[in-house]
Amino acid sequence: MRSHIDTTSVKRAHRYQHIRLITTQLAGLGVTLAALEGIQENELSDSIDSVRGKLAESIKADPQRAAKKLHEAKNKFRFKA
C-alpha cells in the first residue's frame, strides 16, 4: 500500500511531534528539579527561569562540548525536506 502524502508534510509533522515531546520532557524535568530544590508552587515560574540560567551557564562553561552536541543532534535528526 502506498500513501500519496508528500514527504515534506510527513517530515514537518514528525519534527513538530518531536519538538512537543522534548518540550514536555523539559517541563517535567524542570518541575522535578524544583521539587528536589524545595521550591513552592508560587515560586515555580521563577524556578524555571533559574533552570534556563543554569543551562546557559553550562553551555558557557564548555562551549566546545555544547557545539559538538549541537552538531551531533543536527546529524542525528533529519527532519528537513
N, C-alpha and C. Protein backbone atom coordinates (compact mmCIF):
# COMPACT_ATOMS: atom_id res chain seq x y z
N MET A 1 0.84 -1.17 0.00
CA MET A 1 0.00 0.00 0.00
C MET A 1 0.89 1.24 0.00
N ARG A 2 0.51 2.25 -0.75
CA ARG A 2 1.32 3.45 -0.85
C ARG A 2 0.47 4.67 -0.52
N SER A 3 1.05 5.56 0.25
CA SER A 3 0.39 6.82 0.57
C SER A 3 0.88 7.88 -0.41
N HIS A 4 0.01 8.78 -0.74
CA HIS A 4 0.40 9.85 -1.66
C HIS A 4 0.59 11.17 -0.91
N ILE A 5 0.82 11.08 0.39
CA ILE A 5 1.12 12.27 1.18
C ILE A 5 2.55 12.67 0.87
N ASP A 6 2.76 13.96 0.66
CA ASP A 6 4.11 14.37 0.29
C ASP A 6 5.07 14.28 1.48
N THR A 7 6.30 13.94 1.18
CA THR A 7 7.33 13.68 2.18
C THR A 7 7.57 14.88 3.09
N THR A 8 7.52 16.07 2.52
CA THR A 8 7.76 17.28 3.30
C THR A 8 6.75 17.42 4.43
N SER A 9 5.50 17.13 4.15
CA SER A 9 4.45 17.23 5.18
C SER A 9 4.68 16.22 6.30
N VAL A 10 5.08 15.02 5.95
CA VAL A 10 5.33 13.98 6.95
C VAL A 10 6.51 14.38 7.82
N LYS A 11 7.59 14.84 7.20
CA LYS A 11 8.77 15.25 7.97
C LYS A 11 8.44 16.42 8.88
N ARG A 12 7.64 17.36 8.40
CA ARG A 12 7.26 18.52 9.21
C ARG A 12 6.44 18.06 10.42
N ALA A 13 5.52 17.13 10.21
CA ALA A 13 4.70 16.61 11.31
C ALA A 13 5.55 15.86 12.33
N HIS A 14 6.49 15.04 11.87
CA HIS A 14 7.38 14.31 12.78
C HIS A 14 8.25 15.28 13.58
N ARG A 15 8.76 16.30 12.91
CA ARG A 15 9.59 17.30 13.59
C ARG A 15 8.78 18.00 14.69
N TYR A 16 7.56 18.41 14.35
CA TYR A 16 6.70 19.08 15.32
C TYR A 16 6.41 18.18 16.51
N GLN A 17 6.11 16.91 16.26
CA GLN A 17 5.85 15.96 17.34
C GLN A 17 7.07 15.78 18.23
N HIS A 18 8.24 15.75 17.63
CA HIS A 18 9.47 15.57 18.41
C HIS A 18 9.74 16.81 19.28
N ILE A 19 9.50 17.99 18.72
CA ILE A 19 9.67 19.22 19.50
C ILE A 19 8.71 19.23 20.68
N ARG A 20 7.46 18.84 20.46
CA ARG A 20 6.48 18.77 21.56
C ARG A 20 6.91 17.79 22.64
N LEU A 21 7.42 16.63 22.22
CA LEU A 21 7.87 15.61 23.16
C LEU A 21 9.01 16.15 24.03
N ILE A 22 10.00 16.75 23.40
CA ILE A 22 11.15 17.26 24.15
C ILE A 22 10.74 18.42 25.05
N THR A 23 9.85 19.29 24.57
CA THR A 23 9.38 20.40 25.40
C THR A 23 8.65 19.88 26.64
N THR A 24 7.83 18.86 26.46
CA THR A 24 7.13 18.25 27.59
C THR A 24 8.12 17.63 28.57
N GLN A 25 9.13 16.96 28.05
CA GLN A 25 10.15 16.36 28.91
C GLN A 25 10.92 17.43 29.68
N LEU A 26 11.27 18.53 29.00
CA LEU A 26 11.97 19.63 29.67
C LEU A 26 11.13 20.23 30.80
N ALA A 27 9.85 20.41 30.53
CA ALA A 27 8.96 20.94 31.57
C ALA A 27 8.91 20.00 32.77
N GLY A 28 8.80 18.72 32.50
CA GLY A 28 8.77 17.74 33.58
C GLY A 28 10.06 17.73 34.37
N LEU A 29 11.18 17.80 33.68
CA LEU A 29 12.48 17.83 34.36
C LEU A 29 12.62 19.10 35.20
N GLY A 30 12.14 20.23 34.67
CA GLY A 30 12.21 21.48 35.42
C GLY A 30 11.39 21.42 36.70
N VAL A 31 10.19 20.85 36.61
CA VAL A 31 9.33 20.72 37.79
C VAL A 31 9.95 19.75 38.79
N THR A 32 10.52 18.66 38.29
CA THR A 32 11.17 17.69 39.19
C THR A 32 12.35 18.33 39.90
N LEU A 33 13.15 19.10 39.18
CA LEU A 33 14.28 19.79 39.80
C LEU A 33 13.79 20.77 40.86
N ALA A 34 12.72 21.49 40.55
CA ALA A 34 12.14 22.42 41.52
C ALA A 34 11.70 21.69 42.78
N ALA A 35 11.08 20.54 42.61
CA ALA A 35 10.64 19.75 43.77
C ALA A 35 11.84 19.32 44.61
N LEU A 36 12.89 18.88 43.95
CA LEU A 36 14.10 18.45 44.67
C LEU A 36 14.75 19.61 45.41
N GLU A 37 14.61 20.82 44.86
CA GLU A 37 15.20 22.00 45.49
C GLU A 37 14.27 22.63 46.53
N GLY A 38 13.10 22.01 46.74
CA GLY A 38 12.18 22.51 47.76
C GLY A 38 11.39 23.74 47.34
N ILE A 39 11.24 23.95 46.07
CA ILE A 39 10.52 25.11 45.55
C ILE A 39 9.02 24.94 45.80
N GLN A 40 8.36 26.03 46.17
CA GLN A 40 6.91 26.03 46.38
C GLN A 40 6.20 26.36 45.06
N GLU A 41 4.92 26.01 44.98
CA GLU A 41 4.17 26.24 43.74
C GLU A 41 4.21 27.68 43.29
N ASN A 42 4.09 28.62 44.22
CA ASN A 42 4.08 30.03 43.84
C ASN A 42 5.46 30.52 43.37
N GLU A 43 6.49 29.72 43.55
CA GLU A 43 7.84 30.08 43.11
C GLU A 43 8.26 29.33 41.85
N LEU A 44 7.36 28.52 41.33
CA LEU A 44 7.71 27.62 40.23
C LEU A 44 8.16 28.36 38.97
N SER A 45 7.46 29.42 38.61
CA SER A 45 7.82 30.17 37.41
C SER A 45 9.24 30.74 37.52
N ASP A 46 9.56 31.32 38.67
CA ASP A 46 10.92 31.84 38.89
C ASP A 46 11.94 30.71 38.88
N SER A 47 11.56 29.56 39.38
CA SER A 47 12.46 28.41 39.40
C SER A 47 12.79 27.97 37.98
N ILE A 48 11.80 27.98 37.10
CA ILE A 48 12.03 27.59 35.71
C ILE A 48 12.96 28.60 35.04
N ASP A 49 12.82 29.88 35.36
CA ASP A 49 13.76 30.89 34.85
C ASP A 49 15.17 30.58 35.33
N SER A 50 15.29 30.13 36.55
CA SER A 50 16.59 29.76 37.11
C SER A 50 17.20 28.58 36.35
N VAL A 51 16.37 27.63 35.96
CA VAL A 51 16.84 26.48 35.18
C VAL A 51 17.43 26.97 33.86
N ARG A 52 16.76 27.91 33.22
CA ARG A 52 17.27 28.48 31.97
C ARG A 52 18.66 29.06 32.19
N GLY A 53 18.84 29.77 33.29
CA GLY A 53 20.15 30.33 33.62
C GLY A 53 21.20 29.26 33.84
N LYS A 54 20.82 28.18 34.51
CA LYS A 54 21.75 27.08 34.75
C LYS A 54 22.18 26.42 33.44
N LEU A 55 21.22 26.27 32.53
CA LEU A 55 21.55 25.69 31.22
C LEU A 55 22.51 26.60 30.46
N ALA A 56 22.26 27.90 30.49
CA ALA A 56 23.14 28.85 29.81
C ALA A 56 24.54 28.81 30.41
N GLU A 57 24.63 28.73 31.73
CA GLU A 57 25.94 28.64 32.39
C GLU A 57 26.68 27.37 31.97
N SER A 58 25.96 26.28 31.87
CA SER A 58 26.56 25.01 31.46
C SER A 58 27.13 25.12 30.05
N ILE A 59 26.41 25.76 29.16
CA ILE A 59 26.89 25.94 27.79
C ILE A 59 28.10 26.85 27.76
N LYS A 60 28.05 27.94 28.51
CA LYS A 60 29.19 28.88 28.55
C LYS A 60 30.42 28.25 29.19
N ALA A 61 30.21 27.34 30.13
CA ALA A 61 31.34 26.70 30.82
C ALA A 61 32.12 25.78 29.89
N ASP A 62 31.45 25.21 28.90
CA ASP A 62 32.13 24.30 27.97
C ASP A 62 31.52 24.46 26.57
N PRO A 63 31.82 25.59 25.91
CA PRO A 63 31.20 25.86 24.61
C PRO A 63 31.57 24.84 23.53
N GLN A 64 32.76 24.28 23.63
CA GLN A 64 33.16 23.28 22.63
C GLN A 64 32.29 22.03 22.74
N ARG A 65 32.04 21.60 23.97
CA ARG A 65 31.18 20.42 24.17
C ARG A 65 29.77 20.72 23.68
N ALA A 66 29.27 21.91 23.99
CA ALA A 66 27.92 22.29 23.56
C ALA A 66 27.83 22.31 22.03
N ALA A 67 28.85 22.86 21.39
CA ALA A 67 28.87 22.91 19.92
C ALA A 67 28.91 21.51 19.33
N LYS A 68 29.70 20.64 19.95
CA LYS A 68 29.79 19.25 19.49
C LYS A 68 28.43 18.56 19.61
N LYS A 69 27.77 18.75 20.77
CA LYS A 69 26.46 18.13 20.99
C LYS A 69 25.42 18.66 19.99
N LEU A 70 25.48 19.95 19.70
CA LEU A 70 24.56 20.53 18.73
C LEU A 70 24.79 19.92 17.35
N HIS A 71 26.05 19.81 16.97
CA HIS A 71 26.40 19.20 15.68
C HIS A 71 25.90 17.75 15.61
N GLU A 72 26.11 17.00 16.68
CA GLU A 72 25.65 15.61 16.72
C GLU A 72 24.13 15.51 16.60
N ALA A 73 23.43 16.41 17.27
CA ALA A 73 21.96 16.40 17.21
C ALA A 73 21.48 16.75 15.81
N LYS A 74 22.13 17.72 15.19
CA LYS A 74 21.74 18.09 13.82
C LYS A 74 21.93 16.93 12.86
N ASN A 75 22.97 16.15 13.07
CA ASN A 75 23.22 14.99 12.20
C ASN A 75 22.31 13.81 12.53
N LYS A 76 21.85 13.76 13.77
CA LYS A 76 21.00 12.64 14.19
C LYS A 76 19.57 12.79 13.67
N PHE A 77 19.05 13.98 13.75
CA PHE A 77 17.66 14.22 13.38
C PHE A 77 17.59 14.85 12.00
N ARG A 78 16.99 14.15 11.09
CA ARG A 78 16.89 14.60 9.69
C ARG A 78 15.43 14.87 9.35
N PHE A 79 14.93 16.02 9.79
CA PHE A 79 13.54 16.35 9.53
C PHE A 79 13.40 17.33 8.37
N LYS A 80 14.52 17.76 7.82
CA LYS A 80 14.46 18.72 6.72
C LYS A 80 13.98 18.01 5.45
N ALA A 81 13.21 18.74 4.68
CA ALA A 81 12.70 18.16 3.43
C ALA A 81 13.68 18.36 2.30
